[in-house]
Amino acid sequence: MMGILWDTSFTTFLFLTVIIGGGAGYMAGRALATHWRPIIQPILYMLLMAAVVRFFHFALFDGGLLSLHFYAVDAAVLIAAALLGYRVTRVRQMVTQYSWLYERSGPLSWREKKTQLME
């Protein structure tokens, strides 16, 4: 059954793209943030990984190899997972390594600590 997000079946899309590909993307985003790489790198790497995921759909489940639509869906899922891993790790880095400057303001953000001046 063909859908807007998947070409072979929903379970194939869920396990191959979301769980396996998204998990690898999340870990890649974490690794790139750990080494203080710029945010463009996880995006570029996930574009390459989306081609690999598309090949796995083709080789294992008779999905379309050269479908631009499904490549874009796979790339969007992988980029979202990688950026989530990147941001969670970057927030943890900022509030841990610069604890005198920043505090966590949510799971994906930090803010400057308010300083009290002694008078």
PDB file of N, CA and C in Angstrom:
ATOM      1  N   MET A   1       0.841  -1.172   0.000  1.00  0.00           N
ATOM      2  CA  MET A   1       0.000   0.000   0.000  1.00  0.00           C
ATOM      3  C   MET A   1       0.895   1.247   0.000  1.00  0.00           C
ATOM      4  N   MET A   2       0.663   2.116  -0.915  1.00  0.00           N
ATOM      5  CA  MET A   2       1.480   3.312  -1.071  1.00  0.00           C
ATOM      6  C   MET A   2       0.803   4.481  -0.371  1.00  0.00           C
ATOM      7  N   GLY A   3       1.597   5.223   0.388  1.00  0.00           N
ATOM      8  CA  GLY A   3       1.077   6.391   1.084  1.00  0.00           C
ATOM      9  C   GLY A   3       1.859   7.624   0.685  1.00  0.00           C
ATOM     10  N   ILE A   4       1.555   8.728   1.327  1.00  0.00           N
ATOM     11  CA  ILE A   4       2.271   9.967   1.039  1.00  0.00           C
ATOM     12  C   ILE A   4       3.687   9.914   1.595  1.00  0.00           C
ATOM     13  N   LEU A   5       3.867   9.258   2.744  1.00  0.00           N
ATOM     14  CA  LEU A   5       5.178   9.198   3.387  1.00  0.00           C
ATOM     15  C   LEU A   5       5.948   7.924   3.092  1.00  0.00           C
ATOM     16  N   TRP A   6       5.322   6.883   2.624  1.00  0.00           N
ATOM     17  CA  TRP A   6       6.004   5.615   2.387  1.00  0.00           C
ATOM     18  C   TRP A   6       5.589   5.043   1.047  1.00  0.00           C
ATOM     19  N   ASP A   7       6.479   4.236   0.480  1.00  0.00           N
ATOM     20  CA  ASP A   7       6.189   3.662  -0.831  1.00  0.00           C
ATOM     21  C   ASP A   7       5.882   2.165  -0.789  1.00  0.00           C
ATOM     22  N   THR A   8       6.339   1.438   0.228  1.00  0.00           N
ATOM     23  CA  THR A   8       6.042   0.008   0.281  1.00  0.00           C
ATOM     24  C   THR A   8       5.000  -0.300   1.350  1.00  0.00           C
ATOM     25  N   SER A   9       5.286  -0.010   2.602  1.00  0.00           N
ATOM     26  CA  SER A   9       4.306  -0.202   3.676  1.00  0.00           C
ATOM     27  C   SER A   9       4.671   0.717   4.843  1.00  0.00           C
ATOM     28  N   PHE A  10       3.703   0.942   5.688  1.00  0.00           N
ATOM     29  CA  PHE A  10       3.933   1.807   6.838  1.00  0.00           C
ATOM     30  C   PHE A  10       4.935   1.187   7.796  1.00  0.00           C
ATOM     31  N   THR A  11       4.863  -0.116   8.015  1.00  0.00           N
ATOM     32  CA  THR A  11       5.793  -0.758   8.950  1.00  0.00           C
ATOM     33  C   THR A  11       7.231  -0.678   8.448  1.00  0.00           C
ATOM     34  N   THR A  12       7.426  -0.811   7.143  1.00  0.00           N
ATOM     35  CA  THR A  12       8.765  -0.659   6.572  1.00  0.00           C
ATOM     36  C   THR A  12       9.276   0.751   6.794  1.00  0.00           C
ATOM     37  N   PHE A  13       8.434   1.738   6.540  1.00  0.00           N
ATOM     38  CA  PHE A  13       8.812   3.132   6.761  1.00  0.00           C
ATOM     39  C   PHE A  13       9.120   3.376   8.232  1.00  0.00           C
ATOM     40  N   LEU A  14       8.284   2.858   9.108  1.00  0.00           N
ATOM     41  CA  LEU A  14       8.469   3.074  10.545  1.00  0.00           C
ATOM     42  C   LEU A  14       9.788   2.472  11.024  1.00  0.00           C
ATOM     43  N   PHE A  15      10.043   1.216  10.705  1.00  0.00           N
ATOM     44  CA  PHE A  15      11.238   0.556  11.225  1.00  0.00           C
ATOM     45  C   PHE A  15      12.515   0.995  10.520  1.00  0.00           C
ATOM     46  N   LEU A  16      12.490   1.097   9.193  1.00  0.00           N
ATOM     47  CA  LEU A  16      13.717   1.412   8.468  1.00  0.00           C
ATOM     48  C   LEU A  16      14.053   2.901   8.517  1.00  0.00           C
ATOM     49  N   THR A  17      13.093   3.745   8.239  1.00  0.00           N
ATOM     50  CA  THR A  17      13.375   5.171   8.175  1.00  0.00           C
ATOM     51  C   THR A  17      13.353   5.820   9.553  1.00  0.00           C
ATOM     52  N   VAL A  18      12.279   5.612  10.297  1.00  0.00           N
ATOM     53  CA  VAL A  18      12.108   6.330  11.561  1.00  0.00           C
ATOM     54  C   VAL A  18      12.983   5.738  12.671  1.00  0.00           C
ATOM     55  N   ILE A  19      12.909   4.434  12.879  1.00  0.00           N
ATOM     56  CA  ILE A  19      13.620   3.847  14.010  1.00  0.00           C
ATOM     57  C   ILE A  19      15.104   3.664  13.716  1.00  0.00           C
ATOM     58  N   ILE A  20      15.437   2.973  12.633  1.00  0.00           N
ATOM     59  CA  ILE A  20      16.852   2.721  12.344  1.00  0.00           C
ATOM     60  C   ILE A  20      17.543   3.979  11.817  1.00  0.00           C
ATOM     61  N   GLY A  21      16.985   4.585  10.773  1.00  0.00           N
ATOM     62  CA  GLY A  21      17.595   5.795  10.205  1.00  0.00           C
ATOM     63  C   GLY A  21      17.537   6.969  11.163  1.00  0.00           C
ATOM     64  N   GLY A  22      16.399   7.157  11.820  1.00  0.00           N
ATOM     65  CA  GLY A  22      16.271   8.249  12.781  1.00  0.00           C
ATOM     66  C   GLY A  22      17.170   8.060  13.989  1.00  0.00           C
ATOM     67  N   GLY A  23      17.309   6.828  14.440  1.00  0.00           N
ATOM     68  CA  GLY A  23      18.224   6.555  15.553  1.00  0.00           C
ATOM     69  C   GLY A  23      19.668   6.837  15.179  1.00  0.00           C
ATOM     70  N   ALA A  24      20.056   6.434  13.981  1.00  0.00           N
ATOM     71  CA  ALA A  24      21.413   6.728  13.517  1.00  0.00           C
ATOM     72  C   ALA A  24      21.610   8.229  13.342  1.00  0.00           C
ATOM     73  N   GLY A  25      20.588   8.914  12.857  1.00  0.00           N
ATOM     74  CA  GLY A  25      20.673  10.363  12.714  1.00  0.00           C
ATOM     75  C   GLY A  25      20.790  11.070  14.048  1.00  0.00           C
ATOM     76  N   TYR A  26      20.036  10.612  15.035  1.00  0.00           N
ATOM     77  CA  TYR A  26      20.102  11.190  16.379  1.00  0.00           C
ATOM     78  C   TYR A  26      21.504  11.034  16.957  1.00  0.00           C
ATOM     79  N   MET A  27      22.068   9.830  16.821  1.00  0.00           N
ATOM     80  CA  MET A  27      23.419   9.591  17.340  1.00  0.00           C
ATOM     81  C   MET A  27      24.476  10.389  16.574  1.00  0.00           C
ATOM     82  N   ALA A  28      24.285  10.554  15.273  1.00  0.00           N
ATOM     83  CA  ALA A  28      25.223  11.364  14.497  1.00  0.00           C
ATOM     84  C   ALA A  28      25.149  12.826  14.919  1.00  0.00           C
ATOM     85  N   GLY A  29      23.940  13.324  15.164  1.00  0.00           N
ATOM     86  CA  GLY A  29      23.792  14.695  15.646  1.00  0.00           C
ATOM     87  C   GLY A  29      24.445  14.902  16.999  1.00  0.00           C
ATOM     88  N   ARG A  30      24.297  13.926  17.885  1.00  0.00           N
ATOM     89  CA  ARG A  30      24.966  13.994  19.192  1.00  0.00           C
ATOM     90  C   ARG A  30      26.479  14.018  19.039  1.00  0.00           C
ATOM     91  N   ALA A  31      27.003  13.166  18.183  1.00  0.00           N
ATOM     92  CA  ALA A  31      28.449  13.086  17.995  1.00  0.00           C
ATOM     93  C   ALA A  31      29.003  14.385  17.410  1.00  0.00           C
ATOM     94  N   LEU A  32      28.302  14.974  16.471  1.00  0.00           N
ATOM     95  CA  LEU A  32      28.771  16.220  15.867  1.00  0.00           C
ATOM     96  C   LEU A  32      28.703  17.368  16.866  1.00  0.00           C
ATOM     97  N   ALA A  33      27.682  17.398  17.699  1.00  0.00           N
ATOM     98  CA  ALA A  33      27.589  18.451  18.715  1.00  0.00           C
ATOM     99  C   ALA A  33      28.673  18.280  19.766  1.00  0.00           C
ATOM    100  N   THR A  34      29.003  17.048  20.101  1.00  0.00           N
ATOM    101  CA  THR A  34      30.037  16.790  21.091  1.00  0.00           C
ATOM    102  C   THR A  34      31.381  17.349  20.657  1.00  0.00           C
ATOM    103  N   HIS A  35      31.635  17.320  19.361  1.00  0.00           N
ATOM    104  CA  HIS A  35      32.901  17.825  18.831  1.00  0.00           C
ATOM    105  C   HIS A  35      32.806  19.274  18.356  1.00  0.00           C
ATOM    106  N   TRP A  36      31.750  19.978  18.729  1.00  0.00           N
ATOM    107  CA  TRP A  36      31.547  21.393  18.455  1.00  0.00           C
ATOM    108  C   TRP A  36      31.576  21.706  16.958  1.00  0.00           C
ATOM    109  N   ARG A  37      30.975  20.846  16.164  1.00  0.00           N
ATOM    110  CA  ARG A  37      30.887  21.076  14.725  1.00  0.00           C
ATOM    111  C   ARG A  37      29.744  22.048  14.429  1.00  0.00           C
ATOM    112  N   PRO A  38      29.812  22.762  13.300  1.00  0.00           N
ATOM    113  CA  PRO A  38      28.717  23.679  12.948  1.00  0.00           C
ATOM    114  C   PRO A  38      27.440  22.908  12.598  1.00  0.00           C
ATOM    115  N   ILE A  39      26.319  23.585  12.702  1.00  0.00           N
ATOM    116  CA  ILE A  39      25.024  22.924  12.553  1.00  0.00           C
ATOM    117  C   ILE A  39      24.754  22.482  11.112  1.00  0.00           C
ATOM    118  N   ILE A  40      25.491  22.989  10.151  1.00  0.00           N
ATOM    119  CA  ILE A  40      25.296  22.576   8.762  1.00  0.00           C
ATOM    120  C   ILE A  40      25.778  21.143   8.527  1.00  0.00           C
ATOM    121  N   GLN A  41      26.740  20.682   9.316  1.00  0.00           N
ATOM    122  CA  GLN A  41      27.278  19.339   9.102  1.00  0.00           C
ATOM    123  C   GLN A  41      26.261  18.224   9.319  1.00  0.00           C
ATOM    124  N   PRO A  42      25.462  18.231  10.393  1.00  0.00           N
ATOM    125  CA  PRO A  42      24.460  17.157  10.488  1.00  0.00           C
ATOM    126  C   PRO A  42      23.466  17.179   9.333  1.00  0.00           C
ATOM    127  N   ILE A  43      23.143  18.346   8.835  1.00  0.00           N
ATOM    128  CA  ILE A  43      22.203  18.436   7.717  1.00  0.00           C
ATOM    129  C   ILE A  43      22.809  17.797   6.472  1.00  0.00           C
ATOM    130  N   LEU A  44      24.053  18.118   6.168  1.00  0.00           N
ATOM    131  CA  LEU A  44      24.711  17.551   4.994  1.00  0.00           C
ATOM    132  C   LEU A  44      24.890  16.044   5.129  1.00  0.00           C
ATOM    133  N   TYR A  45      25.279  15.584   6.304  1.00  0.00           N
ATOM    134  CA  TYR A  45      25.454  14.153   6.515  1.00  0.00           C
ATOM    135  C   TYR A  45      24.136  13.395   6.397  1.00  0.00           C
ATOM    136  N   MET A  46      23.054  13.990   6.831  1.00  0.00           N
ATOM    137  CA  MET A  46      21.761  13.308   6.752  1.00  0.00           C
ATOM    138  C   MET A  46      21.243  13.253   5.318  1.00  0.00           C
ATOM    139  N   LEU A  47      21.647  14.206   4.483  1.00  0.00           N
ATOM    140  CA  LEU A  47      21.291  14.107   3.069  1.00  0.00           C
ATOM    141  C   LEU A  47      21.956  12.891   2.439  1.00  0.00           C
ATOM    142  N   LEU A  48      23.192  12.620   2.838  1.00  0.00           N
ATOM    143  CA  LEU A  48      23.874  11.407   2.360  1.00  0.00           C
ATOM    144  C   LEU A  48      23.241  10.145   2.951  1.00  0.00           C
ATOM    145  N   MET A  49      22.920  10.189   4.228  1.00  0.00           N
ATOM    146  CA  MET A  49      22.329   9.014   4.870  1.00  0.00           C
ATOM    147  C   MET A  49      20.939   8.724   4.309  1.00  0.00           C
ATOM    148  N   ALA A  50      20.221   9.745   3.883  1.00  0.00           N
ATOM    149  CA  ALA A  50      18.904   9.525   3.282  1.00  0.00           C
ATOM    150  C   ALA A  50      19.031   8.729   1.983  1.00  0.00           C
ATOM    151  N   ALA A  51      20.109   8.940   1.244  1.00  0.00           N
ATOM    152  CA  ALA A  51      20.338   8.143   0.039  1.00  0.00           C
ATOM    153  C   ALA A  51      20.586   6.682   0.402  1.00  0.00           C
ATOM    154  N   VAL A  52      21.280   6.445   1.503  1.00  0.00           N
ATOM    155  CA  VAL A  52      21.514   5.073   1.967  1.00  0.00           C
ATOM    156  C   VAL A  52      20.206   4.423   2.406  1.00  0.00           C
ATOM    157  N   VAL A  53      19.402   5.144   3.150  1.00  0.00           N
ATOM    158  CA  VAL A  53      18.107   4.612   3.586  1.00  0.00           C
ATOM    159  C   VAL A  53      17.228   4.327   2.376  1.00  0.00           C
ATOM    160  N   ARG A  54      17.252   5.207   1.386  1.00  0.00           N
ATOM    161  CA  ARG A  54      16.478   4.992   0.162  1.00  0.00           C
ATOM    162  C   ARG A  54      16.967   3.739  -0.558  1.00  0.00           C
ATOM    163  N   PHE A  55      18.299   3.508  -0.572  1.00  0.00           N
ATOM    164  CA  PHE A  55      18.833   2.294  -1.191  1.00  0.00           C
ATOM    165  C   PHE A  55      18.361   1.053  -0.431  1.00  0.00           C
ATOM    166  N   PHE A  56      18.323   1.105   0.888  1.00  0.00           N
ATOM    167  CA  PHE A  56      17.832  -0.041   1.662  1.00  0.00           C
ATOM    168  C   PHE A  56      16.362  -0.323   1.360  1.00  0.00           C
ATOM    169  N   HIS A  57      15.566   0.726   1.197  1.00  0.00           N
ATOM    170  CA  HIS A  57      14.165   0.520   0.803  1.00  0.00           C
ATOM    171  C   HIS A  57      14.102  -0.194  -0.543  1.00  0.00           C
ATOM    172  N   PHE A  58      14.959   0.213  -1.459  1.00  0.00           N
ATOM    173  CA  PHE A  58      14.987  -0.373  -2.792  1.00  0.00           C
ATOM    174  C   PHE A  58      15.483  -1.820  -2.760  1.00  0.00           C
ATOM    175  N   ALA A  59      16.617  -2.056  -2.088  1.00  0.00           N
ATOM    176  CA  ALA A  59      17.250  -3.370  -2.116  1.00  0.00           C
ATOM    177  C   ALA A  59      16.498  -4.411  -1.295  1.00  0.00           C
ATOM    178  N   LEU A  60      15.933  -4.017  -0.180  1.00  0.00           N
ATOM    179  CA  LEU A  60      15.311  -4.992   0.706  1.00  0.00           C
ATOM    180  C   LEU A  60      13.799  -5.131   0.535  1.00  0.00           C
ATOM    181  N   PHE A  61      13.134  -4.053   0.132  1.00  0.00           N
ATOM    182  CA  PHE A  61      11.669  -4.075   0.133  1.00  0.00           C
ATOM    183  C   PHE A  61      11.048  -3.631  -1.193  1.00  0.00           C
ATOM    184  N   ASP A  62      11.819  -3.597  -2.267  1.00  0.00           N
ATOM    185  CA  ASP A  62      11.339  -3.216  -3.603  1.00  0.00           C
ATOM    186  C   ASP A  62      10.720  -1.830  -3.634  1.00  0.00           C
ATOM    187  N   GLY A  63      11.295  -0.906  -2.894  1.00  0.00           N
ATOM    188  CA  GLY A  63      10.852   0.487  -2.943  1.00  0.00           C
ATOM    189  C   GLY A  63      11.496   1.201  -4.130  1.00  0.00           C
ATOM    190  N   GLY A  64      11.064   2.415  -4.367  1.00  0.00           N
ATOM    191  CA  GLY A  64      11.625   3.190  -5.471  1.00  0.00           C
ATOM    192  C   GLY A  64      12.987   3.766  -5.099  1.00  0.00           C
ATOM    193  N   LEU A  65      13.971   3.544  -5.957  1.00  0.00           N
ATOM    194  CA  LEU A  65      15.320   4.036  -5.672  1.00  0.00           C
ATOM    195  C   LEU A  65      15.465   5.508  -6.039  1.00  0.00           C
ATOM    196  N   LEU A  66      14.959   5.907  -7.178  1.00  0.00           N
ATOM    197  CA  LEU A  66      15.184   7.253  -7.690  1.00  0.00           C
ATOM    198  C   LEU A  66      13.967   8.163  -7.506  1.00  0.00           C
ATOM    199  N   SER A  67      13.177   7.898  -6.508  1.00  0.00           N
ATOM    200  CA  SER A  67      12.011   8.722  -6.233  1.00  0.00           C
ATOM    201  C   SER A  67      12.430   9.945  -5.417  1.00  0.00           C
ATOM    202  N   LEU A  68      12.342  11.101  -6.009  1.00  0.00           N
ATOM    203  CA  LEU A  68      12.712  12.332  -5.324  1.00  0.00           C
ATOM    204  C   LEU A  68      11.783  12.620  -4.146  1.00  0.00           C
ATOM    205  N   HIS A  69      10.509  12.302  -4.308  1.00  0.00           N
ATOM    206  CA  HIS A  69       9.525  12.539  -3.246  1.00  0.00           C
ATOM    207  C   HIS A  69       9.869  11.748  -1.986  1.00  0.00           C
ATOM    208  N   PHE A  70      10.101  10.447  -2.135  1.00  0.00           N
ATOM    209  CA  PHE A  70      10.376   9.620  -0.965  1.00  0.00           C
ATOM    210  C   PHE A  70      11.775   9.865  -0.409  1.00  0.00           C
ATOM    211  N   TYR A  71      12.716  10.282  -1.276  1.00  0.00           N
ATOM    212  CA  TYR A  71      14.035  10.697  -0.770  1.00  0.00           C
ATOM    213  C   TYR A  71      13.879  11.931   0.125  1.00  0.00           C
ATOM    214  N   ALA A  72      13.047  12.872  -0.297  1.00  0.00           N
ATOM    215  CA  ALA A  72      12.833  14.087   0.496  1.00  0.00           C
ATOM    216  C   ALA A  72      12.167  13.756   1.834  1.00  0.00           C
ATOM    217  N   VAL A  73      11.247  12.810   1.851  1.00  0.00           N
ATOM    218  CA  VAL A  73      10.607  12.391   3.106  1.00  0.00           C
ATOM    219  C   VAL A  73      11.632  11.747   4.025  1.00  0.00           C
ATOM    220  N   ASP A  74      12.438  10.842   3.485  1.00  0.00           N
ATOM    221  CA  ASP A  74      13.487  10.202   4.291  1.00  0.00           C
ATOM    222  C   ASP A  74      14.475  11.232   4.816  1.00  0.00           C
ATOM    223  N   ALA A  75      14.883  12.165   3.967  1.00  0.00           N
ATOM    224  CA  ALA A  75      15.833  13.197   4.385  1.00  0.00           C
ATOM    225  C   ALA A  75      15.239  14.078   5.476  1.00  0.00           C
ATOM    226  N   ALA A  76      13.965  14.420   5.367  1.00  0.00           N
ATOM    227  CA  ALA A  76      13.327  15.265   6.385  1.00  0.00           C
ATOM    228  C   ALA A  76      13.286  14.560   7.740  1.00  0.00           C
ATOM    229  N   VAL A  77      12.972  13.268   7.745  1.00  0.00           N
ATOM    230  CA  VAL A  77      12.928  12.507   9.001  1.00  0.00           C
ATOM    231  C   VAL A  77      14.324  12.432   9.612  1.00  0.00           C
ATOM    232  N   LEU A  78      15.330  12.134   8.800  1.00  0.00           N
ATOM    233  CA  LEU A  78      16.695  12.009   9.303  1.00  0.00           C
ATOM    234  C   LEU A  78      17.252  13.345   9.781  1.00  0.00           C
ATOM    235  N   ILE A  79      16.987  14.409   9.059  1.00  0.00           N
ATOM    236  CA  ILE A  79      17.468  15.734   9.465  1.00  0.00           C
ATOM    237  C   ILE A  79      16.812  16.152  10.781  1.00  0.00           C
ATOM    238  N   ALA A  80      15.518  15.876  10.920  1.00  0.00           N
ATOM    239  CA  ALA A  80      14.828  16.219  12.174  1.00  0.00           C
ATOM    240  C   ALA A  80      15.437  15.464  13.356  1.00  0.00           C
ATOM    241  N   ALA A  81      15.715  14.186  13.171  1.00  0.00           N
ATOM    242  CA  ALA A  81      16.302  13.395  14.251  1.00  0.00           C
ATOM    243  C   ALA A  81      17.718  13.877  14.574  1.00  0.00           C
ATOM    244  N   ALA A  82      18.495  14.182  13.552  1.00  0.00           N
ATOM    245  CA  ALA A  82      19.872  14.644  13.773  1.00  0.00           C
ATOM    246  C   ALA A  82      19.887  16.001  14.469  1.00  0.00           C
ATOM    247  N   LEU A  83      19.020  16.899  14.069  1.00  0.00           N
ATOM    248  CA  LEU A  83      18.986  18.217  14.704  1.00  0.00           C
ATOM    249  C   LEU A  83      18.476  18.134  16.141  1.00  0.00           C
ATOM    250  N   LEU A  84      17.581  17.189  16.415  1.00  0.00           N
ATOM    251  CA  LEU A  84      17.136  16.987  17.789  1.00  0.00           C
ATOM    252  C   LEU A  84      18.297  16.508  18.662  1.00  0.00           C
ATOM    253  N   GLY A  85      19.036  15.521  18.188  1.00  0.00           N
ATOM    254  CA  GLY A  85      20.196  15.042  18.935  1.00  0.00           C
ATOM    255  C   GLY A  85      21.254  16.110  19.098  1.00  0.00           C
ATOM    256  N   TYR A  86      21.460  16.902  18.049  1.00  0.00           N
ATOM    257  CA  TYR A  86      22.439  17.991  18.085  1.00  0.00           C
ATOM    258  C   TYR A  86      22.052  19.025  19.138  1.00  0.00           C
ATOM    259  N   ARG A  87      20.796  19.423  19.141  1.00  0.00           N
ATOM    260  CA  ARG A  87      20.357  20.484  20.047  1.00  0.00           C
ATOM    261  C   ARG A  87      20.335  20.025  21.508  1.00  0.00           C
ATOM    262  N   VAL A  88      19.872  18.808  21.760  1.00  0.00           N
ATOM    263  CA  VAL A  88      19.857  18.294  23.132  1.00  0.00           C
ATOM    264  C   VAL A  88      21.271  18.239  23.683  1.00  0.00           C
ATOM    265  N   THR A  89      22.204  17.785  22.877  1.00  0.00           N
ATOM    266  CA  THR A  89      23.599  17.707  23.319  1.00  0.00           C
ATOM    267  C   THR A  89      24.211  19.087  23.487  1.00  0.00           C
ATOM    268  N   ARG A  90      23.904  20.009  22.602  1.00  0.00           N
ATOM    269  CA  ARG A  90      24.467  21.352  22.710  1.00  0.00           C
ATOM    270  C   ARG A  90      23.964  22.066  23.962  1.00  0.00           C
ATOM    271  N   VAL A  91      22.684  21.878  24.305  1.00  0.00           N
ATOM    272  CA  VAL A  91      22.143  22.478  25.523  1.00  0.00           C
ATOM    273  C   VAL A  91      22.857  21.908  26.747  1.00  0.00           C
ATOM    274  N   ARG A  92      23.038  20.592  26.773  1.00  0.00           N
ATOM    275  CA  ARG A  92      23.742  19.975  27.890  1.00  0.00           C
ATOM    276  C   ARG A  92      25.174  20.493  27.983  1.00  0.00           C
ATOM    277  N   GLN A  93      25.848  20.668  26.858  1.00  0.00           N
ATOM    278  CA  GLN A  93      27.211  21.199  26.863  1.00  0.00           C
ATOM    279  C   GLN A  93      27.252  22.616  27.416  1.00  0.00           C
ATOM    280  N   MET A  94      26.366  23.446  26.971  1.00  0.00           N
ATOM    281  CA  MET A  94      26.395  24.848  27.368  1.00  0.00           C
ATOM    282  C   MET A  94      26.119  25.023  28.859  1.00  0.00           C
ATOM    283  N   VAL A  95      25.141  24.300  29.393  1.00  0.00           N
ATOM    284  CA  VAL A  95      24.826  24.479  30.809  1.00  0.00           C
ATOM    285  C   VAL A  95      25.808  23.743  31.712  1.00  0.00           C
ATOM    286  N   THR A  96      26.540  22.770  31.188  1.00  0.00           N
ATOM    287  CA  THR A  96      27.537  22.062  31.993  1.00  0.00           C
ATOM    288  C   THR A  96      28.883  22.767  31.954  1.00  0.00           C
ATOM    289  N   GLN A  97      29.363  23.103  30.763  1.00  0.00           N
ATOM    290  CA  GLN A  97      30.693  23.687  30.635  1.00  0.00           C
ATOM    291  C   GLN A  97      30.727  25.168  30.983  1.00  0.00           C
ATOM    292  N   TYR A  98      29.617  25.841  30.838  1.00  0.00           N
ATOM    293  CA  TYR A  98      29.554  27.265  31.163  1.00  0.00           C
ATOM    294  C   TYR A  98      28.473  27.508  32.206  1.00  0.00           C
ATOM    295  N   SER A  99      28.552  26.769  33.296  1.00  0.00           N
ATOM    296  CA  SER A  99      27.492  26.821  34.306  1.00  0.00           C
ATOM    297  C   SER A  99      27.408  28.174  35.008  1.00  0.00           C
ATOM    298  N   TRP A 100      28.473  28.961  34.999  1.00  0.00           N
ATOM    299  CA  TRP A 100      28.424  30.281  35.627  1.00  0.00           C
ATOM    300  C   TRP A 100      27.741  31.308  34.724  1.00  0.00           C
ATOM    301  N   LEU A 101      27.578  30.987  33.429  1.00  0.00           N
ATOM    302  CA  LEU A 101      26.947  31.919  32.494  1.00  0.00           C
ATOM    303  C   LEU A 101      25.515  31.533  32.115  1.00  0.00           C
ATOM    304  N   TYR A 102      25.267  30.216  31.979  1.00  0.00           N
ATOM    305  CA  TYR A 102      23.997  29.773  31.406  1.00  0.00           C
ATOM    306  C   TYR A 102      23.288  28.797  32.323  1.00  0.00           C
ATOM    307  N   GLU A 103      21.967  28.788  32.193  1.00  0.00           N
ATOM    308  CA  GLU A 103      21.131  27.811  32.872  1.00  0.00           C
ATOM    309  C   GLU A 103      20.119  27.275  31.876  1.00  0.00           C
ATOM    310  N   ARG A 104      19.663  26.071  32.135  1.00  0.00           N
ATOM    311  CA  ARG A 104      18.706  25.431  31.236  1.00  0.00           C
ATOM    312  C   ARG A 104      17.350  26.130  31.373  1.00  0.00           C
ATOM    313  N   SER A 105      16.733  26.415  30.239  1.00  0.00           N
ATOM    314  CA  SER A 105      15.401  27.011  30.282  1.00  0.00           C
ATOM    315  C   SER A 105      14.354  26.106  29.631  1.00  0.00           C
ATOM    316  N   GLY A 106      14.750  24.922  29.285  1.00  0.00           N
ATOM    317  CA  GLY A 106      13.861  23.936  28.681  1.00  0.00           C
ATOM    318  C   GLY A 106      14.700  22.805  28.125  1.00  0.00           C
ATOM    319  N   PRO A 107      14.078  21.800  27.571  1.00  0.00           N
ATOM    320  CA  PRO A 107      14.862  20.682  27.055  1.00  0.00           C
ATOM    321  C   PRO A 107      15.699  21.038  25.833  1.00  0.00           C
ATOM    322  N   LEU A 108      15.326  22.090  25.108  1.00  0.00           N
ATOM    323  CA  LEU A 108      16.046  22.450  23.888  1.00  0.00           C
ATOM    324  C   LEU A 108      16.599  23.870  23.909  1.00  0.00           C
ATOM    325  N   SER A 109      16.692  24.480  25.086  1.00  0.00           N
ATOM    326  CA  SER A 109      17.190  25.859  25.116  1.00  0.00           C
ATOM    327  C   SER A 109      17.878  26.165  26.443  1.00  0.00           C
ATOM    328  N   TRP A 110      18.672  27.225  26.401  1.00  0.00           N
ATOM    329  CA  TRP A 110      19.320  27.722  27.604  1.00  0.00           C
ATOM    330  C   TRP A 110      19.216  29.244  27.589  1.00  0.00           C
ATOM    331  N   ARG A 111      19.493  29.854  28.732  1.00  0.00           N
ATOM    332  CA  ARG A 111      19.465  31.315  28.820  1.00  0.00           C
ATOM    333  C   ARG A 111      20.583  31.769  29.737  1.00  0.00           C
ATOM    334  N   GLU A 112      20.893  33.048  29.666  1.00  0.00           N
ATOM    335  CA  GLU A 112      21.914  33.605  30.547  1.00  0.00           C
ATOM    336  C   GLU A 112      21.377  33.663  31.963  1.00  0.00           C
ATOM    337  N   LYS A 113      22.263  33.401  32.897  1.00  0.00           N
ATOM    338  CA  LYS A 113      21.865  33.517  34.300  1.00  0.00           C
ATOM    339  C   LYS A 113      21.736  34.989  34.651  1.00  0.00           C
ATOM    340  N   LYS A 114      20.792  35.267  35.476  1.00  0.00           N
ATOM    341  CA  LYS A 114      20.633  36.643  35.949  1.00  0.00           C
ATOM    342  C   LYS A 114      21.663  36.886  37.043  1.00  0.00           C
ATOM    343  N   THR A 115      22.427  37.913  36.884  1.00  0.00           N
ATOM    344  CA  THR A 115      23.447  38.226  37.886  1.00  0.00           C
ATOM    345  C   THR A 115      22.909  39.281  38.833  1.00  0.00           C
ATOM    346  N   GLN A 116      23.219  39.109  40.109  1.00  0.00           N
ATOM    347  CA  GLN A 116      22.816  40.099  41.103  1.00  0.00           C
ATOM    348  C   GLN A 116      24.042  40.900  41.491  1.00  0.00           C
ATOM    349  N   LEU A 117      23.967  42.170  41.310  1.00  0.00           N
ATOM    350  CA  LEU A 117      25.078  43.036  41.647  1.00  0.00           C
ATOM    351  C   LEU A 117      25.053  43.350  43.138  1.00  0.00           C
ATOM    352  N   MET A 118      26.211  43.298  43.763  1.00  0.00           N
ATOM    353  CA  MET A 118      26.297  43.642  45.186  1.00  0.00           C
ATOM    354  C   MET A 118      26.488  45.160  45.299  1.00  0.00           C
ATOM    355  N   GLU A 119      25.664  45.757  46.107  1.00  0.00           N
ATOM    356  CA  GLU A 119      25.762  47.204  46.281  1.00  0.00           C
ATOM    357  C   GLU A 119      25.994  47.570  47.703  1.00  0.00           C
TER     358      GLU A 119
END
